[in-house]
Amino acid sequence: RFSQYQSVKVSPDGKHLAVITPIEGKNA
């Protein structure tokens, strides 16, 4: 199966993660 999160990047201060996640067939 595909992973839930793709292209994970940490914010410069390390407090947040930005991720690409598929929702209804499109990347969000």
mmCIF file of all heavy atoms, coordinates in Angstrom:
data_MODEL
# 
_entry.id   MODEL 
# 
loop_
_atom_site.group_PDB 
_atom_site.id 
_atom_site.type_symbol 
_atom_site.label_atom_id 
_atom_site.label_alt_id 
_atom_site.label_comp_id 
_atom_site.label_asym_id 
_atom_site.label_entity_id 
_atom_site.label_seq_id 
_atom_site.pdbx_PDB_ins_code 
_atom_site.Cartn_x 
_atom_site.Cartn_y 
_atom_site.Cartn_z 
_atom_site.occupancy 
_atom_site.B_iso_or_equiv 
_atom_site.pdbx_formal_charge 
_atom_site.auth_seq_id 
_atom_site.auth_comp_id 
_atom_site.auth_asym_id 
_atom_site.auth_atom_id 
_atom_site.pdbx_PDB_model_num 
ATOM 1   N N   . ARG A 1 1  ? 0.835   -1.206 0.000  1.00 0.00 ? 1  ARG A N   1 
ATOM 2   C CA  . ARG A 1 1  ? 0.000   0.000  0.000  1.00 0.00 ? 1  ARG A CA  1 
ATOM 3   C C   . ARG A 1 1  ? 0.869   1.255  0.000  1.00 0.00 ? 1  ARG A C   1 
ATOM 4   O O   . ARG A 1 1  ? 2.035   1.240  0.355  1.00 0.00 ? 1  ARG A O   1 
ATOM 5   C CB  . ARG A 1 1  ? -0.922  -0.004 1.208  1.00 0.00 ? 1  ARG A CB  1 
ATOM 6   C CG  . ARG A 1 1  ? -0.179  0.123  2.506  1.00 0.00 ? 1  ARG A CG  1 
ATOM 7   C CD  . ARG A 1 1  ? -1.106  0.153  3.678  1.00 0.00 ? 1  ARG A CD  1 
ATOM 8   N NE  . ARG A 1 1  ? -0.268  0.128  4.868  1.00 0.00 ? 1  ARG A NE  1 
ATOM 9   C CZ  . ARG A 1 1  ? -0.660  -0.209 6.039  1.00 0.00 ? 1  ARG A CZ  1 
ATOM 10  N NH1 . ARG A 1 1  ? -1.895  -0.545 6.242  1.00 0.00 ? 1  ARG A NH1 1 
ATOM 11  N NH2 . ARG A 1 1  ? 0.171   -0.201 7.048  1.00 0.00 ? 1  ARG A NH2 1 
ATOM 12  N N   . PHE A 1 2  ? 0.262   2.370  -0.405 1.00 0.00 ? 2  PHE A N   1 
ATOM 13  C CA  . PHE A 1 2  ? 0.963   3.638  -0.421 1.00 0.00 ? 2  PHE A CA  1 
ATOM 14  C C   . PHE A 1 2  ? 1.030   4.186  0.997  1.00 0.00 ? 2  PHE A C   1 
ATOM 15  O O   . PHE A 1 2  ? 0.154   3.936  1.821  1.00 0.00 ? 2  PHE A O   1 
ATOM 16  C CB  . PHE A 1 2  ? 0.231   4.653  -1.312 1.00 0.00 ? 2  PHE A CB  1 
ATOM 17  C CG  . PHE A 1 2  ? 0.332   4.320  -2.770 1.00 0.00 ? 2  PHE A CG  1 
ATOM 18  C CD1 . PHE A 1 2  ? -0.775  3.893  -3.470 1.00 0.00 ? 2  PHE A CD1 1 
ATOM 19  C CD2 . PHE A 1 2  ? 1.531   4.438  -3.424 1.00 0.00 ? 2  PHE A CD2 1 
ATOM 20  C CE1 . PHE A 1 2  ? -0.687  3.589  -4.805 1.00 0.00 ? 2  PHE A CE1 1 
ATOM 21  C CE2 . PHE A 1 2  ? 1.632   4.138  -4.769 1.00 0.00 ? 2  PHE A CE2 1 
ATOM 22  C CZ  . PHE A 1 2  ? 0.524   3.715  -5.460 1.00 0.00 ? 2  PHE A CZ  1 
ATOM 23  N N   . SER A 1 3  ? 2.067   4.955  1.267  1.00 0.00 ? 3  SER A N   1 
ATOM 24  C CA  . SER A 1 3  ? 2.164   5.559  2.591  1.00 0.00 ? 3  SER A CA  1 
ATOM 25  C C   . SER A 1 3  ? 1.158   6.698  2.699  1.00 0.00 ? 3  SER A C   1 
ATOM 26  O O   . SER A 1 3  ? 0.738   7.289  1.712  1.00 0.00 ? 3  SER A O   1 
ATOM 27  C CB  . SER A 1 3  ? 3.580   6.075  2.837  1.00 0.00 ? 3  SER A CB  1 
ATOM 28  O OG  . SER A 1 3  ? 3.888   7.115  1.935  1.00 0.00 ? 3  SER A OG  1 
ATOM 29  N N   . GLN A 1 4  ? 0.795   6.996  3.919  1.00 0.00 ? 4  GLN A N   1 
ATOM 30  C CA  . GLN A 1 4  ? -0.189  8.040  4.162  1.00 0.00 ? 4  GLN A CA  1 
ATOM 31  C C   . GLN A 1 4  ? 0.398   9.418  3.882  1.00 0.00 ? 4  GLN A C   1 
ATOM 32  O O   . GLN A 1 4  ? -0.282  10.298 3.394  1.00 0.00 ? 4  GLN A O   1 
ATOM 33  C CB  . GLN A 1 4  ? -0.658  7.967  5.616  1.00 0.00 ? 4  GLN A CB  1 
ATOM 34  C CG  . GLN A 1 4  ? -1.714  8.962  5.977  1.00 0.00 ? 4  GLN A CG  1 
ATOM 35  C CD  . GLN A 1 4  ? -2.149  8.820  7.424  1.00 0.00 ? 4  GLN A CD  1 
ATOM 36  O OE1 . GLN A 1 4  ? -1.653  7.979  8.161  1.00 0.00 ? 4  GLN A OE1 1 
ATOM 37  N NE2 . GLN A 1 4  ? -3.073  9.643  7.835  1.00 0.00 ? 4  GLN A NE2 1 
ATOM 38  N N   . TYR A 1 5  ? 1.669   9.607  4.184  1.00 0.00 ? 5  TYR A N   1 
ATOM 39  C CA  . TYR A 1 5  ? 2.337   10.893 3.988  1.00 0.00 ? 5  TYR A CA  1 
ATOM 40  C C   . TYR A 1 5  ? 3.503   10.733 3.028  1.00 0.00 ? 5  TYR A C   1 
ATOM 41  O O   . TYR A 1 5  ? 4.225   9.758  3.081  1.00 0.00 ? 5  TYR A O   1 
ATOM 42  C CB  . TYR A 1 5  ? 2.854   11.445 5.311  1.00 0.00 ? 5  TYR A CB  1 
ATOM 43  C CG  . TYR A 1 5  ? 1.791   11.659 6.349  1.00 0.00 ? 5  TYR A CG  1 
ATOM 44  C CD1 . TYR A 1 5  ? 1.926   11.121 7.624  1.00 0.00 ? 5  TYR A CD1 1 
ATOM 45  C CD2 . TYR A 1 5  ? 0.651   12.389 6.066  1.00 0.00 ? 5  TYR A CD2 1 
ATOM 46  C CE1 . TYR A 1 5  ? 0.952   11.321 8.584  1.00 0.00 ? 5  TYR A CE1 1 
ATOM 47  C CE2 . TYR A 1 5  ? -0.330  12.585 7.015  1.00 0.00 ? 5  TYR A CE2 1 
ATOM 48  C CZ  . TYR A 1 5  ? -0.167  12.052 8.277  1.00 0.00 ? 5  TYR A CZ  1 
ATOM 49  O OH  . TYR A 1 5  ? -1.123  12.242 9.214  1.00 0.00 ? 5  TYR A OH  1 
ATOM 50  N N   . GLN A 1 6  ? 3.669   11.728 2.166  1.00 0.00 ? 6  GLN A N   1 
ATOM 51  C CA  . GLN A 1 6  ? 4.778   11.746 1.217  1.00 0.00 ? 6  GLN A CA  1 
ATOM 52  C C   . GLN A 1 6  ? 5.455   13.095 1.306  1.00 0.00 ? 6  GLN A C   1 
ATOM 53  O O   . GLN A 1 6  ? 4.844   14.076 1.745  1.00 0.00 ? 6  GLN A O   1 
ATOM 54  C CB  . GLN A 1 6  ? 4.270   11.514 -0.204 1.00 0.00 ? 6  GLN A CB  1 
ATOM 55  C CG  . GLN A 1 6  ? 3.527   10.221 -0.377 1.00 0.00 ? 6  GLN A CG  1 
ATOM 56  C CD  . GLN A 1 6  ? 2.738   10.183 -1.672 1.00 0.00 ? 6  GLN A CD  1 
ATOM 57  O OE1 . GLN A 1 6  ? 2.667   11.153 -2.408 1.00 0.00 ? 6  GLN A OE1 1 
ATOM 58  N NE2 . GLN A 1 6  ? 2.121   9.059  -1.954 1.00 0.00 ? 6  GLN A NE2 1 
ATOM 59  N N   . SER A 1 7  ? 6.689   13.157 0.877  1.00 0.00 ? 7  SER A N   1 
ATOM 60  C CA  . SER A 1 7  ? 7.438   14.410 0.793  1.00 0.00 ? 7  SER A CA  1 
ATOM 61  C C   . SER A 1 7  ? 7.392   15.180 2.114  1.00 0.00 ? 7  SER A C   1 
ATOM 62  O O   . SER A 1 7  ? 6.992   16.342 2.160  1.00 0.00 ? 7  SER A O   1 
ATOM 63  C CB  . SER A 1 7  ? 6.885   15.259 -0.351 1.00 0.00 ? 7  SER A CB  1 
ATOM 64  O OG  . SER A 1 7  ? 7.670   16.405 -0.557 1.00 0.00 ? 7  SER A OG  1 
ATOM 65  N N   . VAL A 1 8  ? 7.805   14.560 3.187  1.00 0.00 ? 8  VAL A N   1 
ATOM 66  C CA  . VAL A 1 8  ? 7.768   15.162 4.520  1.00 0.00 ? 8  VAL A CA  1 
ATOM 67  C C   . VAL A 1 8  ? 8.925   16.136 4.670  1.00 0.00 ? 8  VAL A C   1 
ATOM 68  O O   . VAL A 1 8  ? 10.067  15.806 4.369  1.00 0.00 ? 8  VAL A O   1 
ATOM 69  C CB  . VAL A 1 8  ? 7.858   14.074 5.610  1.00 0.00 ? 8  VAL A CB  1 
ATOM 70  C CG1 . VAL A 1 8  ? 7.862   14.690 6.989  1.00 0.00 ? 8  VAL A CG1 1 
ATOM 71  C CG2 . VAL A 1 8  ? 6.727   13.078 5.461  1.00 0.00 ? 8  VAL A CG2 1 
ATOM 72  N N   . LYS A 1 9  ? 8.616   17.362 5.133  1.00 0.00 ? 9  LYS A N   1 
ATOM 73  C CA  . LYS A 1 9  ? 9.646   18.386 5.365  1.00 0.00 ? 9  LYS A CA  1 
ATOM 74  C C   . LYS A 1 9  ? 9.402   19.052 6.711  1.00 0.00 ? 9  LYS A C   1 
ATOM 75  O O   . LYS A 1 9  ? 8.273   19.397 7.049  1.00 0.00 ? 9  LYS A O   1 
ATOM 76  C CB  . LYS A 1 9  ? 9.622   19.430 4.246  1.00 0.00 ? 9  LYS A CB  1 
ATOM 77  C CG  . LYS A 1 9  ? 9.978   18.838 2.897  1.00 0.00 ? 9  LYS A CG  1 
ATOM 78  C CD  . LYS A 1 9  ? 9.976   19.874 1.811  1.00 0.00 ? 9  LYS A CD  1 
ATOM 79  C CE  . LYS A 1 9  ? 10.256  19.209 0.469  1.00 0.00 ? 9  LYS A CE  1 
ATOM 80  N NZ  . LYS A 1 9  ? 10.201  20.164 -0.616 1.00 0.00 ? 9  LYS A NZ  1 
ATOM 81  N N   . VAL A 1 10 ? 10.470  19.254 7.455  1.00 0.00 ? 10 VAL A N   1 
ATOM 82  C CA  . VAL A 1 10 ? 10.401  19.866 8.785  1.00 0.00 ? 10 VAL A CA  1 
ATOM 83  C C   . VAL A 1 10 ? 10.524  21.378 8.636  1.00 0.00 ? 10 VAL A C   1 
ATOM 84  O O   . VAL A 1 10 ? 11.329  21.876 7.847  1.00 0.00 ? 10 VAL A O   1 
ATOM 85  C CB  . VAL A 1 10 ? 11.536  19.326 9.689  1.00 0.00 ? 10 VAL A CB  1 
ATOM 86  C CG1 . VAL A 1 10 ? 11.476  19.934 11.066 1.00 0.00 ? 10 VAL A CG1 1 
ATOM 87  C CG2 . VAL A 1 10 ? 11.491  17.819 9.753  1.00 0.00 ? 10 VAL A CG2 1 
ATOM 88  N N   . SER A 1 11 ? 9.731   22.119 9.417  1.00 0.00 ? 11 SER A N   1 
ATOM 89  C CA  . SER A 1 11 ? 9.808   23.577 9.403  1.00 0.00 ? 11 SER A CA  1 
ATOM 90  C C   . SER A 1 11 ? 11.171  24.023 9.932  1.00 0.00 ? 11 SER A C   1 
ATOM 91  O O   . SER A 1 11 ? 11.836  23.276 10.662 1.00 0.00 ? 11 SER A O   1 
ATOM 92  C CB  . SER A 1 11 ? 8.688   24.176 10.251 1.00 0.00 ? 11 SER A CB  1 
ATOM 93  O OG  . SER A 1 11 ? 8.872   23.849 11.610 1.00 0.00 ? 11 SER A OG  1 
ATOM 94  N N   . PRO A 1 12 ? 11.601  25.242 9.590  1.00 0.00 ? 12 PRO A N   1 
ATOM 95  C CA  . PRO A 1 12 ? 12.916  25.709 10.058 1.00 0.00 ? 12 PRO A CA  1 
ATOM 96  C C   . PRO A 1 12 ? 13.062  25.692 11.582 1.00 0.00 ? 12 PRO A C   1 
ATOM 97  O O   . PRO A 1 12 ? 14.150  25.414 12.083 1.00 0.00 ? 12 PRO A O   1 
ATOM 98  C CB  . PRO A 1 12 ? 13.002  27.138 9.519  1.00 0.00 ? 12 PRO A CB  1 
ATOM 99  C CG  . PRO A 1 12 ? 12.142  27.124 8.296  1.00 0.00 ? 12 PRO A CG  1 
ATOM 100 C CD  . PRO A 1 12 ? 11.008  26.188 8.632  1.00 0.00 ? 12 PRO A CD  1 
ATOM 101 N N   . ASP A 1 13 ? 11.988  25.948 12.342 1.00 0.00 ? 13 ASP A N   1 
ATOM 102 C CA  . ASP A 1 13 ? 12.097  25.924 13.808 1.00 0.00 ? 13 ASP A CA  1 
ATOM 103 C C   . ASP A 1 13 ? 11.854  24.541 14.395 1.00 0.00 ? 13 ASP A C   1 
ATOM 104 O O   . ASP A 1 13 ? 11.993  24.336 15.600 1.00 0.00 ? 13 ASP A O   1 
ATOM 105 C CB  . ASP A 1 13 ? 11.158  26.940 14.445 1.00 0.00 ? 13 ASP A CB  1 
ATOM 106 C CG  . ASP A 1 13 ? 9.684   26.655 14.195 1.00 0.00 ? 13 ASP A CG  1 
ATOM 107 O OD1 . ASP A 1 13 ? 9.358   25.641 13.542 1.00 0.00 ? 13 ASP A OD1 1 
ATOM 108 O OD2 . ASP A 1 13 ? 8.851   27.454 14.653 1.00 0.00 ? 13 ASP A OD2 1 
ATOM 109 N N   . GLY A 1 14 ? 11.485  23.560 13.558 1.00 0.00 ? 14 GLY A N   1 
ATOM 110 C CA  . GLY A 1 14 ? 11.302  22.192 14.018 1.00 0.00 ? 14 GLY A CA  1 
ATOM 111 C C   . GLY A 1 14 ? 9.982   21.930 14.724 1.00 0.00 ? 14 GLY A C   1 
ATOM 112 O O   . GLY A 1 14 ? 9.766   20.836 15.233 1.00 0.00 ? 14 GLY A O   1 
ATOM 113 N N   . LYS A 1 15 ? 9.055   22.880 14.742 1.00 0.00 ? 15 LYS A N   1 
ATOM 114 C CA  . LYS A 1 15 ? 7.789   22.711 15.454 1.00 0.00 ? 15 LYS A CA  1 
ATOM 115 C C   . LYS A 1 15 ? 6.687   22.101 14.594 1.00 0.00 ? 15 LYS A C   1 
ATOM 116 O O   . LYS A 1 15 ? 5.670   21.660 15.113 1.00 0.00 ? 15 LYS A O   1 
ATOM 117 C CB  . LYS A 1 15 ? 7.316   24.055 16.010 1.00 0.00 ? 15 LYS A CB  1 
ATOM 118 C CG  . LYS A 1 15 ? 8.233   24.610 17.070 1.00 0.00 ? 15 LYS A CG  1 
ATOM 119 C CD  . LYS A 1 15 ? 7.713   25.921 17.611 1.00 0.00 ? 15 LYS A CD  1 
ATOM 120 C CE  . LYS A 1 15 ? 8.644   26.477 18.677 1.00 0.00 ? 15 LYS A CE  1 
ATOM 121 N NZ  . LYS A 1 15 ? 8.168   27.767 19.172 1.00 0.00 ? 15 LYS A NZ  1 
ATOM 122 N N   . HIS A 1 16 ? 6.860   22.098 13.274 1.00 0.00 ? 16 HIS A N   1 
ATOM 123 C CA  . HIS A 1 16 ? 5.825   21.593 12.376 1.00 0.00 ? 16 HIS A CA  1 
ATOM 124 C C   . HIS A 1 16 ? 6.430   20.715 11.286 1.00 0.00 ? 16 HIS A C   1 
ATOM 125 O O   . HIS A 1 16 ? 7.596   20.860 10.937 1.00 0.00 ? 16 HIS A O   1 
ATOM 126 C CB  . HIS A 1 16 ? 5.065   22.751 11.726 1.00 0.00 ? 16 HIS A CB  1 
ATOM 127 C CG  . HIS A 1 16 ? 4.275   23.552 12.691 1.00 0.00 ? 16 HIS A CG  1 
ATOM 128 N ND1 . HIS A 1 16 ? 4.794   24.639 13.342 1.00 0.00 ? 16 HIS A ND1 1 
ATOM 129 C CD2 . HIS A 1 16 ? 3.014   23.412 13.130 1.00 0.00 ? 16 HIS A CD2 1 
ATOM 130 C CE1 . HIS A 1 16 ? 3.869   25.145 14.141 1.00 0.00 ? 16 HIS A CE1 1 
ATOM 131 N NE2 . HIS A 1 16 ? 2.784   24.414 14.028 1.00 0.00 ? 16 HIS A NE2 1 
ATOM 132 N N   . LEU A 1 17 ? 5.597   19.839 10.748 1.00 0.00 ? 17 LEU A N   1 
ATOM 133 C CA  . LEU A 1 17 ? 5.935   19.030 9.582  1.00 0.00 ? 17 LEU A CA  1 
ATOM 134 C C   . LEU A 1 17 ? 4.967   19.397 8.474  1.00 0.00 ? 17 LEU A C   1 
ATOM 135 O O   . LEU A 1 17 ? 3.768   19.547 8.712  1.00 0.00 ? 17 LEU A O   1 
ATOM 136 C CB  . LEU A 1 17 ? 5.782   17.546 9.880  1.00 0.00 ? 17 LEU A CB  1 
ATOM 137 C CG  . LEU A 1 17 ? 6.665   16.928 10.949 1.00 0.00 ? 17 LEU A CG  1 
ATOM 138 C CD1 . LEU A 1 17 ? 6.246   15.492 11.205 1.00 0.00 ? 17 LEU A CD1 1 
ATOM 139 C CD2 . LEU A 1 17 ? 8.111   16.983 10.518 1.00 0.00 ? 17 LEU A CD2 1 
ATOM 140 N N   . ALA A 1 18 ? 5.470   19.519 7.267  1.00 0.00 ? 18 ALA A N   1 
ATOM 141 C CA  . ALA A 1 18 ? 4.612   19.690 6.098  1.00 0.00 ? 18 ALA A CA  1 
ATOM 142 C C   . ALA A 1 18 ? 4.677   18.384 5.320  1.00 0.00 ? 18 ALA A C   1 
ATOM 143 O O   . ALA A 1 18 ? 5.748   17.815 5.144  1.00 0.00 ? 18 ALA A O   1 
ATOM 144 C CB  . ALA A 1 18 ? 5.085   20.851 5.247  1.00 0.00 ? 18 ALA A CB  1 
ATOM 145 N N   . VAL A 1 19 ? 3.529   17.890 4.901  1.00 0.00 ? 19 VAL A N   1 
ATOM 146 C CA  . VAL A 1 19 ? 3.457   16.612 4.193  1.00 0.00 ? 19 VAL A CA  1 
ATOM 147 C C   . VAL A 1 19 ? 2.480   16.710 3.035  1.00 0.00 ? 19 VAL A C   1 
ATOM 148 O O   . VAL A 1 19 ? 1.534   17.499 3.062  1.00 0.00 ? 19 VAL A O   1 
ATOM 149 C CB  . VAL A 1 19 ? 3.018   15.464 5.131  1.00 0.00 ? 19 VAL A CB  1 
ATOM 150 C CG1 . VAL A 1 19 ? 4.004   15.267 6.256  1.00 0.00 ? 19 VAL A CG1 1 
ATOM 151 C CG2 . VAL A 1 19 ? 1.627   15.683 5.687  1.00 0.00 ? 19 VAL A CG2 1 
ATOM 152 N N   . ILE A 1 20 ? 2.715   15.901 2.017  1.00 0.00 ? 20 ILE A N   1 
ATOM 153 C CA  . ILE A 1 20 ? 1.751   15.715 0.942  1.00 0.00 ? 20 ILE A CA  1 
ATOM 154 C C   . ILE A 1 20 ? 0.966   14.458 1.293  1.00 0.00 ? 20 ILE A C   1 
ATOM 155 O O   . ILE A 1 20 ? 1.550   13.425 1.616  1.00 0.00 ? 20 ILE A O   1 
ATOM 156 C CB  . ILE A 1 20 ? 2.449   15.543 -0.418 1.00 0.00 ? 20 ILE A CB  1 
ATOM 157 C CG1 . ILE A 1 20 ? 3.236   16.803 -0.795 1.00 0.00 ? 20 ILE A CG1 1 
ATOM 158 C CG2 . ILE A 1 20 ? 1.452   15.172 -1.509 1.00 0.00 ? 20 ILE A CG2 1 
ATOM 159 C CD1 . ILE A 1 20 ? 2.391   18.000 -1.142 1.00 0.00 ? 20 ILE A CD1 1 
ATOM 160 N N   . THR A 1 21 ? -0.352  14.553 1.252  1.00 0.00 ? 21 THR A N   1 
ATOM 161 C CA  . THR A 1 21 ? -1.192  13.401 1.549  1.00 0.00 ? 21 THR A CA  1 
ATOM 162 C C   . THR A 1 21 ? -2.302  13.309 0.499  1.00 0.00 ? 21 THR A C   1 
ATOM 163 O O   . THR A 1 21 ? -2.875  14.331 0.114  1.00 0.00 ? 21 THR A O   1 
ATOM 164 C CB  . THR A 1 21 ? -1.778  13.492 2.974  1.00 0.00 ? 21 THR A CB  1 
ATOM 165 O OG1 . THR A 1 21 ? -2.514  12.315 3.263  1.00 0.00 ? 21 THR A OG1 1 
ATOM 166 C CG2 . THR A 1 21 ? -2.648  14.705 3.159  1.00 0.00 ? 21 THR A CG2 1 
ATOM 167 N N   . PRO A 1 22 ? -2.585  12.130 -0.009 1.00 0.00 ? 22 PRO A N   1 
ATOM 168 C CA  . PRO A 1 22 ? -3.644  11.998 -1.010 1.00 0.00 ? 22 PRO A CA  1 
ATOM 169 C C   . PRO A 1 22 ? -5.027  12.055 -0.359 1.00 0.00 ? 22 PRO A C   1 
ATOM 170 O O   . PRO A 1 22 ? -5.283  11.364 0.621  1.00 0.00 ? 22 PRO A O   1 
ATOM 171 C CB  . PRO A 1 22 ? -3.382  10.629 -1.642 1.00 0.00 ? 22 PRO A CB  1 
ATOM 172 C CG  . PRO A 1 22 ? -2.603  9.871  -0.630 1.00 0.00 ? 22 PRO A CG  1 
ATOM 173 C CD  . PRO A 1 22 ? -1.863  10.872 0.192  1.00 0.00 ? 22 PRO A CD  1 
ATOM 174 N N   . ILE A 1 23 ? -5.882  12.909 -0.899 1.00 0.00 ? 23 ILE A N   1 
ATOM 175 C CA  . ILE A 1 23 ? -7.264  13.013 -0.444 1.00 0.00 ? 23 ILE A CA  1 
ATOM 176 C C   . ILE A 1 23 ? -8.144  12.982 -1.684 1.00 0.00 ? 23 ILE A C   1 
ATOM 177 O O   . ILE A 1 23 ? -8.022  13.851 -2.549 1.00 0.00 ? 23 ILE A O   1 
ATOM 178 C CB  . ILE A 1 23 ? -7.513  14.304 0.365  1.00 0.00 ? 23 ILE A CB  1 
ATOM 179 C CG1 . ILE A 1 23 ? -6.641  14.329 1.617  1.00 0.00 ? 23 ILE A CG1 1 
ATOM 180 C CG2 . ILE A 1 23 ? -8.990  14.436 0.729  1.00 0.00 ? 23 ILE A CG2 1 
ATOM 181 C CD1 . ILE A 1 23 ? -6.742  15.618 2.413  1.00 0.00 ? 23 ILE A CD1 1 
ATOM 182 N N   . GLU A 1 24 ? -9.002  11.987 -1.775 1.00 0.00 ? 24 GLU A N   1 
ATOM 183 C CA  . GLU A 1 24 ? -9.919  11.820 -2.899 1.00 0.00 ? 24 GLU A CA  1 
ATOM 184 C C   . GLU A 1 24 ? -9.184  11.845 -4.243 1.00 0.00 ? 24 GLU A C   1 
ATOM 185 O O   . GLU A 1 24 ? -9.612  12.495 -5.189 1.00 0.00 ? 24 GLU A O   1 
ATOM 186 C CB  . GLU A 1 24 ? -11.015 12.874 -2.852 1.00 0.00 ? 24 GLU A CB  1 
ATOM 187 C CG  . GLU A 1 24 ? -11.900 12.757 -1.627 1.00 0.00 ? 24 GLU A CG  1 
ATOM 188 C CD  . GLU A 1 24 ? -12.950 13.855 -1.545 1.00 0.00 ? 24 GLU A CD  1 
ATOM 189 O OE1 . GLU A 1 24 ? -13.040 14.689 -2.477 1.00 0.00 ? 24 GLU A OE1 1 
ATOM 190 O OE2 . GLU A 1 24 ? -13.667 13.878 -0.535 1.00 0.00 ? 24 GLU A OE2 1 
ATOM 191 N N   . GLY A 1 25 ? -8.018  11.192 -4.312 1.00 0.00 ? 25 GLY A N   1 
ATOM 192 C CA  . GLY A 1 25 ? -7.295  11.064 -5.565 1.00 0.00 ? 25 GLY A CA  1 
ATOM 193 C C   . GLY A 1 25 ? -6.421  12.237 -5.954 1.00 0.00 ? 25 GLY A C   1 
ATOM 194 O O   . GLY A 1 25 ? -5.814  12.222 -7.020 1.00 0.00 ? 25 GLY A O   1 
ATOM 195 N N   . LYS A 1 26 ? -6.360  13.275 -5.118 1.00 0.00 ? 26 LYS A N   1 
ATOM 196 C CA  . LYS A 1 26 ? -5.516  14.435 -5.417 1.00 0.00 ? 26 LYS A CA  1 
ATOM 197 C C   . LYS A 1 26 ? -4.611  14.720 -4.222 1.00 0.00 ? 26 LYS A C   1 
ATOM 198 O O   . LYS A 1 26 ? -4.971  14.446 -3.078 1.00 0.00 ? 26 LYS A O   1 
ATOM 199 C CB  . LYS A 1 26 ? -6.370  15.665 -5.719 1.00 0.00 ? 26 LYS A CB  1 
ATOM 200 C CG  . LYS A 1 26 ? -7.256  15.505 -6.919 1.00 0.00 ? 26 LYS A CG  1 
ATOM 201 C CD  . LYS A 1 26 ? -7.941  16.792 -7.311 1.00 0.00 ? 26 LYS A CD  1 
ATOM 202 C CE  . LYS A 1 26 ? -8.706  17.407 -6.164 1.00 0.00 ? 26 LYS A CE  1 
ATOM 203 N NZ  . LYS A 1 26 ? -9.423  18.617 -6.519 1.00 0.00 ? 26 LYS A NZ  1 
ATOM 204 N N   . ASN A 1 27 ? -3.435  15.287 -4.497 1.00 0.00 ? 27 ASN A N   1 
ATOM 205 C CA  . ASN A 1 27 ? -2.499  15.623 -3.436 1.00 0.00 ? 27 ASN A CA  1 
ATOM 206 C C   . ASN A 1 27 ? -2.927  16.888 -2.706 1.00 0.00 ? 27 ASN A C   1 
ATOM 207 O O   . ASN A 1 27 ? -3.248  17.893 -3.328 1.00 0.00 ? 27 ASN A O   1 
ATOM 208 C CB  . ASN A 1 27 ? -1.087  15.838 -3.994 1.00 0.00 ? 27 ASN A CB  1 
ATOM 209 C CG  . ASN A 1 27 ? -0.458  14.560 -4.474 1.00 0.00 ? 27 ASN A CG  1 
ATOM 210 O OD1 . ASN A 1 27 ? -0.879  13.472 -4.091 1.00 0.00 ? 27 ASN A OD1 1 
ATOM 211 N ND2 . ASN A 1 27 ? 0.540   14.675 -5.320 1.00 0.00 ? 27 ASN A ND2 1 
ATOM 212 N N   . ALA A 1 28 ? -2.918  16.813 -1.379 1.00 0.00 ? 28 ALA A N   1 
ATOM 213 C CA  . ALA A 1 28 ? -3.194  17.959 -0.528 1.00 0.00 ? 28 ALA A CA  1 
ATOM 214 C C   . ALA A 1 28 ? -1.969  18.206 0.340  1.00 0.00 ? 28 ALA A C   1 
ATOM 215 O O   . ALA A 1 28 ? -1.163  17.296 0.573  1.00 0.00 ? 28 ALA A O   1 
ATOM 216 C CB  . ALA A 1 28 ? -4.416  17.704 0.342  1.00 0.00 ? 28 ALA A CB  1 
# 
